[in-house]
PDB file of N, CA and C in Angstrom:
ATOM      1  N   MET A   1      -2.371 -10.569  34.734  1.00  0.00           N
ATOM      2  CA  MET A   1      -1.478  -9.426  36.019  1.00  0.00           C
ATOM      3  C   MET A   1      -3.180  -9.040  37.045  1.00  0.00           C
ATOM      4  N   GLN A   2      -3.838  -8.292  35.781  1.00  0.00           N
ATOM      5  CA  GLN A   2      -4.647  -7.709  37.583  1.00  0.00           C
ATOM      6  C   GLN A   2      -5.388  -9.375  38.547  1.00  0.00           C
ATOM      7  N   ALA A   3      -5.503 -10.366  38.183  1.00  0.00           N
ATOM      8  CA  ALA A   3      -5.612 -11.593  38.685  1.00  0.00           C
ATOM      9  C   ALA A   3      -4.367 -11.922  39.365  1.00  0.00           C
ATOM     10  N   ALA A   4      -3.316 -11.608  38.999  1.00  0.00           N
ATOM     11  CA  ALA A   4      -2.376 -12.173  39.962  1.00  0.00           C
ATOM     12  C   ALA A   4      -2.441 -10.199  41.436  1.00  0.00           C
ATOM     13  N   LYS A   5      -2.797  -9.834  41.319  1.00  0.00           N
ATOM     14  CA  LYS A   5      -1.786  -8.016  42.120  1.00  0.00           C
ATOM     15  C   LYS A   5      -3.515  -8.968  42.529  1.00  0.00           C
ATOM     16  N   LEU A   6      -4.615  -8.972  42.695  1.00  0.00           N
ATOM     17  CA  LEU A   6      -5.667  -9.373  43.462  1.00  0.00           C
ATOM     18  C   LEU A   6      -5.535 -10.280  44.487  1.00  0.00           C
ATOM     19  N   GLY A   7      -4.057 -11.545  43.958  1.00  0.00           N
ATOM     20  CA  GLY A   7      -3.932 -12.491  44.546  1.00  0.00           C
ATOM     21  C   GLY A   7      -3.982 -13.706  44.440  1.00  0.00           C
ATOM     22  N   LYS A   8      -4.219 -13.238  42.909  1.00  0.00           N
ATOM     23  CA  LYS A   8      -4.881 -15.287  42.835  1.00  0.00           C
ATOM     24  C   LYS A   8      -3.637 -15.868  42.093  1.00  0.00           C
ATOM     25  N   ARG A   9      -3.873 -17.188  41.891  1.00  0.00           N
ATOM     26  CA  ARG A   9      -2.105 -17.269  41.626  1.00  0.00           C
ATOM     27  C   ARG A   9      -2.676 -17.718  40.301  1.00  0.00           C
ATOM     28  N   VAL A  10      -1.905 -16.849  38.906  1.00  0.00           N
ATOM     29  CA  VAL A  10      -1.444 -16.952  36.930  1.00  0.00           C
ATOM     30  C   VAL A  10      -0.370 -17.686  36.358  1.00  0.00           C
ATOM     31  N   ALA A  11      -1.404 -17.794  35.573  1.00  0.00           N
ATOM     32  CA  ALA A  11      -0.336 -18.587  35.145  1.00  0.00           C
ATOM     33  C   ALA A  11      -0.543 -17.933  32.962  1.00  0.00           C
ATOM     34  N   VAL A  12       0.450 -17.969  32.192  1.00  0.00           N
ATOM     35  CA  VAL A  12       0.016 -17.504  30.726  1.00  0.00           C
ATOM     36  C   VAL A  12       1.026 -18.584  30.682  1.00  0.00           C
ATOM     37  N   VAL A  13       0.124 -19.690  29.054  1.00  0.00           N
ATOM     38  CA  VAL A  13       0.518 -20.423  28.926  1.00  0.00           C
ATOM     39  C   VAL A  13       0.849 -19.602  27.195  1.00  0.00           C
ATOM     40  N   GLU A  14       2.736 -19.652  26.330  1.00  0.00           N
ATOM     41  CA  GLU A  14       2.809 -18.635  25.407  1.00  0.00           C
ATOM     42  C   GLU A  14       3.428 -19.671  23.770  1.00  0.00           C
ATOM     43  N   ARG A  15       2.127 -19.739  23.350  1.00  0.00           N
ATOM     44  CA  ARG A  15       2.900 -20.332  22.112  1.00  0.00           C
ATOM     45  C   ARG A  15       3.887 -19.824  21.101  1.00  0.00           C
ATOM     46  N   ARG A  16       3.590 -19.274  20.681  1.00  0.00           N
ATOM     47  CA  ARG A  16       4.688 -17.883  19.896  1.00  0.00           C
ATOM     48  C   ARG A  16       6.457 -17.974  20.687  1.00  0.00           C
ATOM     49  N   ARG A  17       7.053 -17.798  19.953  1.00  0.00           N
ATOM     50  CA  ARG A  17       8.465 -18.090  19.524  1.00  0.00           C
ATOM     51  C   ARG A  17       8.311 -16.799  21.641  1.00  0.00           C
ATOM     52  N   CYS A  18       8.093 -15.335  21.325  1.00  0.00           N
ATOM     53  CA  CYS A  18       7.601 -14.452  22.414  1.00  0.00           C
ATOM     54  C   CYS A  18       7.307 -14.108  22.785  1.00  0.00           C
ATOM     55  N   VAL A  19       7.267 -14.028  23.964  1.00  0.00           N
ATOM     56  CA  VAL A  19       5.923 -12.962  24.881  1.00  0.00           C
ATOM     57  C   VAL A  19       5.512 -11.953  24.376  1.00  0.00           C
ATOM     58  N   GLY A  20       4.230 -12.119  24.523  1.00  0.00           N
ATOM     59  CA  GLY A  20       3.291 -10.899  23.811  1.00  0.00           C
ATOM     60  C   GLY A  20       2.896 -10.715  22.577  1.00  0.00           C
ATOM     61  N   GLY A  21       2.586 -12.049  22.452  1.00  0.00           N
ATOM     62  CA  GLY A  21       1.614 -12.358  21.268  1.00  0.00           C
ATOM     63  C   GLY A  21       1.469 -11.953  20.491  1.00  0.00           C
ATOM     64  N   VAL A  22       0.490 -12.374  19.238  1.00  0.00           N
ATOM     65  CA  VAL A  22       0.581 -11.758  18.200  1.00  0.00           C
ATOM     66  C   VAL A  22       0.721 -10.392  17.756  1.00  0.00           C
ATOM     67  N   CYS A  23       0.376 -10.033  18.284  1.00  0.00           N
ATOM     68  CA  CYS A  23       1.060  -8.090  17.835  1.00  0.00           C
ATOM     69  C   CYS A  23       2.445  -8.007  18.531  1.00  0.00           C
ATOM     70  N   ILE A  24       3.411  -9.360  19.486  1.00  0.00           N
ATOM     71  CA  ILE A  24       4.593  -8.760  19.188  1.00  0.00           C
ATOM     72  C   ILE A  24       5.405  -9.726  18.416  1.00  0.00           C
ATOM     73  N   ASP A  25       4.644 -10.883  18.348  1.00  0.00           N
ATOM     74  CA  ASP A  25       5.928 -11.938  17.638  1.00  0.00           C
ATOM     75  C   ASP A  25       6.026 -11.125  15.705  1.00  0.00           C
ATOM     76  N   THR A  26       4.777 -11.116  14.650  1.00  0.00           N
ATOM     77  CA  THR A  26       4.396 -10.883  13.886  1.00  0.00           C
ATOM     78  C   THR A  26       3.492  -9.898  13.060  1.00  0.00           C
ATOM     79  N   GLY A  27       3.140  -9.317  13.871  1.00  0.00           N
ATOM     80  CA  GLY A  27       1.716  -7.999  14.093  1.00  0.00           C
ATOM     81  C   GLY A  27       2.639  -6.167  14.090  1.00  0.00           C
ATOM     82  N   THR A  28       1.111  -6.131  14.773  1.00  0.00           N
ATOM     83  CA  THR A  28       1.959  -4.477  14.516  1.00  0.00           C
ATOM     84  C   THR A  28       3.194  -3.476  14.704  1.00  0.00           C
ATOM     85  N   ILE A  29       3.903  -4.367  15.637  1.00  0.00           N
ATOM     86  CA  ILE A  29       4.690  -4.317  16.652  1.00  0.00           C
ATOM     87  C   ILE A  29       5.360  -4.483  15.045  1.00  0.00           C
ATOM     88  N   PRO A  30       6.246  -5.440  14.739  1.00  0.00           N
ATOM     89  CA  PRO A  30       6.885  -6.222  13.543  1.00  0.00           C
ATOM     90  C   PRO A  30       6.948  -4.779  11.468  1.00  0.00           C
ATOM     91  N   SER A  31       5.791  -4.311  11.900  1.00  0.00           N
ATOM     92  CA  SER A  31       5.013  -4.189  10.569  1.00  0.00           C
ATOM     93  C   SER A  31       5.053  -2.953  10.603  1.00  0.00           C
ATOM     94  N   LYS A  32       5.034  -1.834  11.793  1.00  0.00           N
ATOM     95  CA  LYS A  32       5.389  -0.433  11.946  1.00  0.00           C
ATOM     96  C   LYS A  32       6.856   0.041  12.218  1.00  0.00           C
ATOM     97  N   THR A  33       8.069  -1.305  12.836  1.00  0.00           N
ATOM     98  CA  THR A  33       8.625  -0.577  12.485  1.00  0.00           C
ATOM     99  C   THR A  33       9.402  -1.188  11.186  1.00  0.00           C
ATOM    100  N   PHE A  34       9.554  -1.630  10.470  1.00  0.00           N
ATOM    101  CA  PHE A  34       9.391  -1.716   8.983  1.00  0.00           C
ATOM    102  C   PHE A  34       9.261  -0.395   8.801  1.00  0.00           C
ATOM    103  N   ARG A  35       8.045  -0.407   8.673  1.00  0.00           N
ATOM    104  CA  ARG A  35       7.293   1.261   8.099  1.00  0.00           C
ATOM    105  C   ARG A  35       8.695   2.826   9.148  1.00  0.00           C
ATOM    106  N   GLU A  36       8.427   2.519   9.456  1.00  0.00           N
ATOM    107  CA  GLU A  36       9.488   4.202  10.355  1.00  0.00           C
ATOM    108  C   GLU A  36      10.418   3.660  10.628  1.00  0.00           C
ATOM    109  N   ALA A  37      10.864   2.648   9.826  1.00  0.00           N
ATOM    110  CA  ALA A  37      12.810   2.098   9.179  1.00  0.00           C
ATOM    111  C   ALA A  37      13.016   2.967   8.576  1.00  0.00           C
ATOM    112  N   VAL A  38      11.870   2.287   7.285  1.00  0.00           N
ATOM    113  CA  VAL A  38      12.281   3.399   5.589  1.00  0.00           C
ATOM    114  C   VAL A  38      12.134   5.255   6.247  1.00  0.00           C
ATOM    115  N   ILE A  39      10.513   4.612   6.624  1.00  0.00           N
ATOM    116  CA  ILE A  39      10.717   6.364   7.524  1.00  0.00           C
ATOM    117  C   ILE A  39      11.974   7.139   7.465  1.00  0.00           C
ATOM    118  N   ALA A  40      12.330   6.324   8.779  1.00  0.00           N
ATOM    119  CA  ALA A  40      13.397   7.333   8.988  1.00  0.00           C
ATOM    120  C   ALA A  40      14.315   7.671   8.123  1.00  0.00           C
ATOM    121  N   VAL A  41      15.142   6.209   7.127  1.00  0.00           N
ATOM    122  CA  VAL A  41      15.820   6.527   6.035  1.00  0.00           C
ATOM    123  C   VAL A  41      15.093   7.365   5.113  1.00  0.00           C
ATOM    124  N   ILE A  42      14.272   7.932   4.167  1.00  0.00           N
ATOM    125  CA  ILE A  42      14.241   8.749   3.734  1.00  0.00           C
ATOM    126  C   ILE A  42      14.265   9.906   4.297  1.00  0.00           C
ATOM    127  N   GLY A  43      13.398   9.976   5.229  1.00  0.00           N
ATOM    128  CA  GLY A  43      13.621  12.049   5.854  1.00  0.00           C
ATOM    129  C   GLY A  43      15.109  12.227   6.009  1.00  0.00           C
ATOM    130  N   THR A  44      16.625  10.990   6.424  1.00  0.00           N
ATOM    131  CA  THR A  44      16.905  11.973   5.892  1.00  0.00           C
ATOM    132  C   THR A  44      17.637  12.830   5.138  1.00  0.00           C
ATOM    133  N   SER A  45      16.842  12.303   3.467  1.00  0.00           N
ATOM    134  CA  SER A  45      17.535  12.508   2.960  1.00  0.00           C
ATOM    135  C   SER A  45      16.509  13.003   1.336  1.00  0.00           C
ATOM    136  N   PHE A  46      15.440  14.349   2.615  1.00  0.00           N
ATOM    137  CA  PHE A  46      15.287  15.346   2.473  1.00  0.00           C
ATOM    138  C   PHE A  46      15.824  15.994   2.583  1.00  0.00           C
ATOM    139  N   GLU A  47      16.335  15.762   4.298  1.00  0.00           N
ATOM    140  CA  GLU A  47      16.952  16.829   4.269  1.00  0.00           C
ATOM    141  C   GLU A  47      18.712  17.074   3.774  1.00  0.00           C
ATOM    142  N   ARG A  48      19.351  16.194   3.410  1.00  0.00           N
ATOM    143  CA  ARG A  48      20.286  16.241   2.371  1.00  0.00           C
ATOM    144  C   ARG A  48      19.817  16.651   0.414  1.00  0.00           C
ATOM    145  N   ARG A  49      19.593  17.868   0.200  1.00  0.00           N
ATOM    146  CA  ARG A  49      18.742  18.248  -1.193  1.00  0.00           C
ATOM    147  C   ARG A  49      19.798  17.606  -2.213  1.00  0.00           C
ATOM    148  N   GLY A  50      19.772  16.792  -3.143  1.00  0.00           N
ATOM    149  CA  GLY A  50      20.677  17.017  -4.097  1.00  0.00           C
ATOM    150  C   GLY A  50      21.157  15.243  -4.196  1.00  0.00           C
ATOM    151  N   ALA A  51      21.590  14.444  -2.886  1.00  0.00           N
ATOM    152  CA  ALA A  51      22.095  13.771  -2.527  1.00  0.00           C
ATOM    153  C   ALA A  51      20.903  12.836  -3.302  1.00  0.00           C
ATOM    154  N   GLU A  52      21.583  11.262  -3.421  1.00  0.00           N
ATOM    155  CA  GLU A  52      20.867  10.349  -3.064  1.00  0.00           C
ATOM    156  C   GLU A  52      20.730   9.458  -2.299  1.00  0.00           C
ATOM    157  N   ARG A  53      19.167   8.873  -2.652  1.00  0.00           N
ATOM    158  CA  ARG A  53      18.364   8.544  -1.252  1.00  0.00           C
ATOM    159  C   ARG A  53      18.808   7.385  -1.156  1.00  0.00           C
ATOM    160  N   PRO A  54      19.414   6.975   0.505  1.00  0.00           N
ATOM    161  CA  PRO A  54      19.775   5.746   0.919  1.00  0.00           C
ATOM    162  C   PRO A  54      18.491   4.680   1.263  1.00  0.00           C
ATOM    163  N   ARG A  55      18.980   3.344   0.824  1.00  0.00           N
ATOM    164  CA  ARG A  55      17.912   2.727   0.542  1.00  0.00           C
ATOM    165  C   ARG A  55      19.334   1.349   1.824  1.00  0.00           C
ATOM    166  N   PRO A  56      17.678   1.339   2.944  1.00  0.00           N
ATOM    167  CA  PRO A  56      18.121   0.870   3.835  1.00  0.00           C
ATOM    168  C   PRO A  56      18.277  -1.480   2.794  1.00  0.00           C
ATOM    169  N   SER A  57      19.373  -1.526   3.620  1.00  0.00           N
ATOM    170  CA  SER A  57      19.346  -3.210   3.249  1.00  0.00           C
ATOM    171  C   SER A  57      18.842  -3.789   3.974  1.00  0.00           C
ATOM    172  N   ILE A  58      17.718  -5.344   4.012  1.00  0.00           N
ATOM    173  CA  ILE A  58      17.262  -6.133   3.939  1.00  0.00           C
ATOM    174  C   ILE A  58      17.570  -5.642   5.928  1.00  0.00           C
ATOM    175  N   GLU A  59      19.074  -6.534   5.237  1.00  0.00           N
ATOM    176  CA  GLU A  59      20.085  -6.731   7.216  1.00  0.00           C
ATOM    177  C   GLU A  59      19.595  -5.674   7.616  1.00  0.00           C
ATOM    178  N   GLN A  60      19.118  -4.601   7.150  1.00  0.00           N
ATOM    179  CA  GLN A  60      18.996  -3.760   8.547  1.00  0.00           C
ATOM    180  C   GLN A  60      17.693  -4.196   9.410  1.00  0.00           C
ATOM    181  N   LEU A  61      16.979  -3.297   7.815  1.00  0.00           N
ATOM    182  CA  LEU A  61      15.703  -3.293   8.220  1.00  0.00           C
ATOM    183  C   LEU A  61      15.622  -4.250   8.930  1.00  0.00           C
ATOM    184  N   LEU A  62      15.928  -6.066   9.174  1.00  0.00           N
ATOM    185  CA  LEU A  62      15.463  -7.502  10.010  1.00  0.00           C
ATOM    186  C   LEU A  62      16.065  -7.311  11.477  1.00  0.00           C
ATOM    187  N   ALA A  63      17.126  -6.151  11.186  1.00  0.00           N
ATOM    188  CA  ALA A  63      18.083  -6.012  12.975  1.00  0.00           C
ATOM    189  C   ALA A  63      17.257  -4.408  13.550  1.00  0.00           C
ATOM    190  N   ARG A  64      16.786  -3.694  13.061  1.00  0.00           N
ATOM    191  CA  ARG A  64      15.639  -2.832  13.678  1.00  0.00           C
ATOM    192  C   ARG A  64      14.773  -3.478  14.327  1.00  0.00           C
ATOM    193  N   VAL A  65      14.484  -4.711  12.805  1.00  0.00           N
ATOM    194  CA  VAL A  65      13.227  -5.247  13.754  1.00  0.00           C
ATOM    195  C   VAL A  65      12.591  -5.936  14.699  1.00  0.00           C
ATOM    196  N   ALA A  66      14.174  -7.025  14.591  1.00  0.00           N
ATOM    197  CA  ALA A  66      14.502  -8.106  15.632  1.00  0.00           C
ATOM    198  C   ALA A  66      15.140  -6.974  17.191  1.00  0.00           C
ATOM    199  N   GLU A  67      15.792  -6.181  16.877  1.00  0.00           N
ATOM    200  CA  GLU A  67      15.478  -5.222  18.056  1.00  0.00           C
ATOM    201  C   GLU A  67      14.086  -4.808  19.566  1.00  0.00           C
ATOM    202  N   VAL A  68      13.227  -4.023  18.687  1.00  0.00           N
ATOM    203  CA  VAL A  68      13.091  -3.939  18.530  1.00  0.00           C
ATOM    204  C   VAL A  68      11.774  -4.818  19.681  1.00  0.00           C
ATOM    205  N   VAL A  69      11.304  -5.769  18.800  1.00  0.00           N
ATOM    206  CA  VAL A  69      10.327  -6.760  18.749  1.00  0.00           C
ATOM    207  C   VAL A  69      11.180  -8.189  20.159  1.00  0.00           C
ATOM    208  N   ALA A  70      12.674  -7.983  20.205  1.00  0.00           N
ATOM    209  CA  ALA A  70      12.888  -8.148  21.577  1.00  0.00           C
ATOM    210  C   ALA A  70      12.770  -7.733  22.688  1.00  0.00           C
ATOM    211  N   ARG A  71      13.271  -5.626  22.628  1.00  0.00           N
ATOM    212  CA  ARG A  71      12.929  -5.630  23.593  1.00  0.00           C
ATOM    213  C   ARG A  71      11.073  -4.914  24.227  1.00  0.00           C
ATOM    214  N   GLU A  72       9.977  -4.837  23.169  1.00  0.00           N
ATOM    215  CA  GLU A  72       8.817  -5.226  23.628  1.00  0.00           C
ATOM    216  C   GLU A  72       8.225  -6.176  24.888  1.00  0.00           C
ATOM    217  N   SER A  73       9.107  -7.824  23.460  1.00  0.00           N
ATOM    218  CA  SER A  73       8.819  -8.953  25.004  1.00  0.00           C
ATOM    219  C   SER A  73       9.344  -9.011  26.231  1.00  0.00           C
ATOM    220  N   GLU A  74      10.701  -8.626  26.880  1.00  0.00           N
ATOM    221  CA  GLU A  74      10.774  -8.443  27.505  1.00  0.00           C
ATOM    222  C   GLU A  74      11.027  -7.696  28.084  1.00  0.00           C
ATOM    223  N   ILE A  75       9.698  -6.480  27.958  1.00  0.00           N
ATOM    224  CA  ILE A  75       9.026  -5.607  29.023  1.00  0.00           C
ATOM    225  C   ILE A  75       8.328  -6.410  29.488  1.00  0.00           C
ATOM    226  N   VAL A  76       7.404  -7.107  28.664  1.00  0.00           N
ATOM    227  CA  VAL A  76       6.461  -7.731  28.809  1.00  0.00           C
ATOM    228  C   VAL A  76       6.614  -8.560  29.679  1.00  0.00           C
ATOM    229  N   ALA A  77       7.575  -9.582  29.018  1.00  0.00           N
ATOM    230  CA  ALA A  77       7.781 -11.010  30.910  1.00  0.00           C
ATOM    231  C   ALA A  77       9.151 -10.099  31.207  1.00  0.00           C
ATOM    232  N   ASP A  78       8.717  -9.253  31.345  1.00  0.00           N
ATOM    233  CA  ASP A  78       9.884  -8.184  33.629  1.00  0.00           C
ATOM    234  C   ASP A  78       7.723  -8.100  33.419  1.00  0.00           C
ATOM    235  N   GLN A  79       7.056  -7.272  33.419  1.00  0.00           N
ATOM    236  CA  GLN A  79       6.311  -7.156  34.014  1.00  0.00           C
ATOM    237  C   GLN A  79       5.564  -8.650  34.814  1.00  0.00           C
ATOM    238  N   LEU A  80       5.092  -9.433  33.290  1.00  0.00           N
ATOM    239  CA  LEU A  80       5.084 -10.616  34.387  1.00  0.00           C
ATOM    240  C   LEU A  80       5.425 -11.259  35.842  1.00  0.00           C
ATOM    241  N   ARG A  81       6.338 -11.563  35.217  1.00  0.00           N
ATOM    242  CA  ARG A  81       8.135 -11.258  36.428  1.00  0.00           C
ATOM    243  C   ARG A  81       7.590 -11.263  37.454  1.00  0.00           C
ATOM    244  N   ARG A  82       7.070  -8.984  37.414  1.00  0.00           N
ATOM    245  CA  ARG A  82       6.925  -9.008  38.966  1.00  0.00           C
ATOM    246  C   ARG A  82       6.072  -8.483  39.319  1.00  0.00           C
ATOM    247  N   ASN A  83       5.021  -9.497  38.896  1.00  0.00           N
ATOM    248  CA  ASN A  83       3.576  -9.814  39.011  1.00  0.00           C
ATOM    249  C   ASN A  83       3.307 -10.839  39.554  1.00  0.00           C
ATOM    250  N   ASP A  84       4.455 -11.663  39.682  1.00  0.00           N
ATOM    251  CA  ASP A  84       4.267 -13.495  39.927  1.00  0.00           C
ATOM    252  C   ASP A  84       3.133 -13.830  38.890  1.00  0.00           C
ATOM    253  N   VAL A  85       3.457 -13.819  38.309  1.00  0.00           N
ATOM    254  CA  VAL A  85       2.801 -15.035  36.741  1.00  0.00           C
ATOM    255  C   VAL A  85       3.517 -15.753  36.617  1.00  0.00           C
ATOM    256  N   ALA A  86       2.976 -16.796  36.580  1.00  0.00           N
ATOM    257  CA  ALA A  86       4.194 -17.806  36.000  1.00  0.00           C
ATOM    258  C   ALA A  86       4.022 -17.919  34.183  1.00  0.00           C
ATOM    259  N   LEU A  87       4.941 -17.796  33.081  1.00  0.00           N
ATOM    260  CA  LEU A  87       4.788 -18.493  32.007  1.00  0.00           C
ATOM    261  C   LEU A  87       5.471 -19.480  31.759  1.00  0.00           C
ATOM    262  N   LEU A  88       5.097 -19.945  31.092  1.00  0.00           N
ATOM    263  CA  LEU A  88       5.007 -21.290  30.040  1.00  0.00           C
ATOM    264  C   LEU A  88       4.145 -21.590  28.789  1.00  0.00           C
ATOM    265  N   GLN A  89       5.160 -22.066  29.001  1.00  0.00           N
ATOM    266  CA  GLN A  89       6.477 -21.902  27.064  1.00  0.00           C
ATOM    267  C   GLN A  89       5.523 -23.157  26.067  1.00  0.00           C
ATOM    268  N   GLY A  90       4.871 -22.630  25.715  1.00  0.00           N
ATOM    269  CA  GLY A  90       3.974 -24.560  24.711  1.00  0.00           C
ATOM    270  C   GLY A  90       2.058 -24.250  24.028  1.00  0.00           C
ATOM    271  N   GLU A  91       1.200 -25.276  24.541  1.00  0.00           N
ATOM    272  CA  GLU A  91      -0.251 -25.150  24.474  1.00  0.00           C
ATOM    273  C   GLU A  91      -1.312 -25.253  25.601  1.00  0.00           C
ATOM    274  N   ALA A  92      -2.242 -24.875  25.563  1.00  0.00           N
ATOM    275  CA  ALA A  92      -3.069 -24.820  26.787  1.00  0.00           C
ATOM    276  C   ALA A  92      -4.893 -25.311  26.160  1.00  0.00           C
ATOM    277  N   SER A  93      -5.146 -26.022  26.221  1.00  0.00           N
ATOM    278  CA  SER A  93      -7.150 -25.647  26.080  1.00  0.00           C
ATOM    279  C   SER A  93      -8.340 -26.165  27.649  1.00  0.00           C
ATOM    280  N   PHE A  94      -9.036 -25.039  27.294  1.00  0.00           N
ATOM    281  CA  PHE A  94      -9.644 -25.448  28.752  1.00  0.00           C
ATOM    282  C   PHE A  94     -10.740 -27.664  27.822  1.00  0.00           C
ATOM    283  N   VAL A  95     -10.826 -27.238  29.416  1.00  0.00           N
ATOM    284  CA  VAL A  95     -11.538 -29.522  28.610  1.00  0.00           C
ATOM    285  C   VAL A  95     -12.867 -29.180  30.121  1.00  0.00           C
ATOM    286  N   ASP A  96     -12.971 -28.131  30.207  1.00  0.00           N
ATOM    287  CA  ASP A  96     -14.618 -27.516  31.475  1.00  0.00           C
ATOM    288  C   ASP A  96     -13.581 -26.565  31.826  1.00  0.00           C
ATOM    289  N   PRO A  97     -14.971 -25.607  33.322  1.00  0.00           N
ATOM    290  CA  PRO A  97     -14.839 -25.104  33.539  1.00  0.00           C
ATOM    291  C   PRO A  97     -13.163 -24.949  34.864  1.00  0.00           C
ATOM    292  N   GLN A  98     -13.400 -25.563  35.149  1.00  0.00           N
ATOM    293  CA  GLN A  98     -13.025 -26.359  36.444  1.00  0.00           C
ATOM    294  C   GLN A  98     -11.347 -26.563  35.936  1.00  0.00           C
ATOM    295  N   LEU A  99     -10.997 -27.011  34.896  1.00  0.00           N
ATOM    296  CA  LEU A  99      -9.910 -28.358  34.244  1.00  0.00           C
ATOM    297  C   LEU A  99      -9.299 -27.772  33.246  1.00  0.00           C
ATOM    298  N   TRP A 100      -7.934 -27.619  32.882  1.00  0.00           N
ATOM    299  CA  TRP A 100      -7.291 -27.125  31.294  1.00  0.00           C
ATOM    300  C   TRP A 100      -6.415 -28.227  31.689  1.00  0.00           C
ATOM    301  N   ARG A 101      -5.243 -28.874  30.282  1.00  0.00           N
ATOM    302  CA  ARG A 101      -5.444 -28.905  29.926  1.00  0.00           C
ATOM    303  C   ARG A 101      -3.986 -28.542  29.043  1.00  0.00           C
ATOM    304  N   SER A 102      -2.943 -28.796  29.387  1.00  0.00           N
ATOM    305  CA  SER A 102      -1.800 -28.535  28.836  1.00  0.00           C
ATOM    306  C   SER A 102      -0.140 -29.285  28.340  1.00  0.00           C
ATOM    307  N   ALA A 103       0.069 -29.247  27.359  1.00  0.00           N
ATOM    308  CA  ALA A 103       1.365 -29.118  26.723  1.00  0.00           C
ATOM    309  C   ALA A 103       2.628 -28.274  27.583  1.00  0.00           C
ATOM    310  N   ALA A 104       2.792 -27.496  27.756  1.00  0.00           N
ATOM    311  CA  ALA A 104       3.397 -26.677  27.745  1.00  0.00           C
ATOM    312  C   ALA A 104       4.791 -27.236  29.416  1.00  0.00           C
ATOM    313  N   THR A 105       5.679 -25.444  29.268  1.00  0.00           N
ATOM    314  CA  THR A 105       7.067 -26.377  30.051  1.00  0.00           C
ATOM    315  C   THR A 105       7.756 -25.106  30.910  1.00  0.00           C
ATOM    316  N   ALA A 106       7.139 -24.511  32.001  1.00  0.00           N
ATOM    317  CA  ALA A 106       8.119 -23.373  32.401  1.00  0.00           C
ATOM    318  C   ALA A 106       8.677 -22.810  32.497  1.00  0.00           C
ATOM    319  N   ALA A 107       8.691 -21.851  31.776  1.00  0.00           N
ATOM    320  CA  ALA A 107      10.177 -20.831  31.044  1.00  0.00           C
ATOM    321  C   ALA A 107      10.952 -19.989  31.531  1.00  0.00           C
TER     322      ALA A 107
END
């Protein structure tokens, strides 16, 4: 984005299902969301002493993770759009310092 702000033509080639790389797709964001969802459910049970601890279902956890991942990915995509960065879905590699090869399509 910094290059785009400096007037350069910029493209991001994303091979994963969502924009934001491994951090948003399968890494930090999903794992911390799982953790926080469980803590939130268990934390409320401590406030109701004597009550049986509620247990979130896997469907509830997966829905929460999907919601957070979609929101974070949209934030990144919005930043790219606002800075006129082209987003291409696929894979790319550098052939040499002046040329790159792509199997990407515009998203």
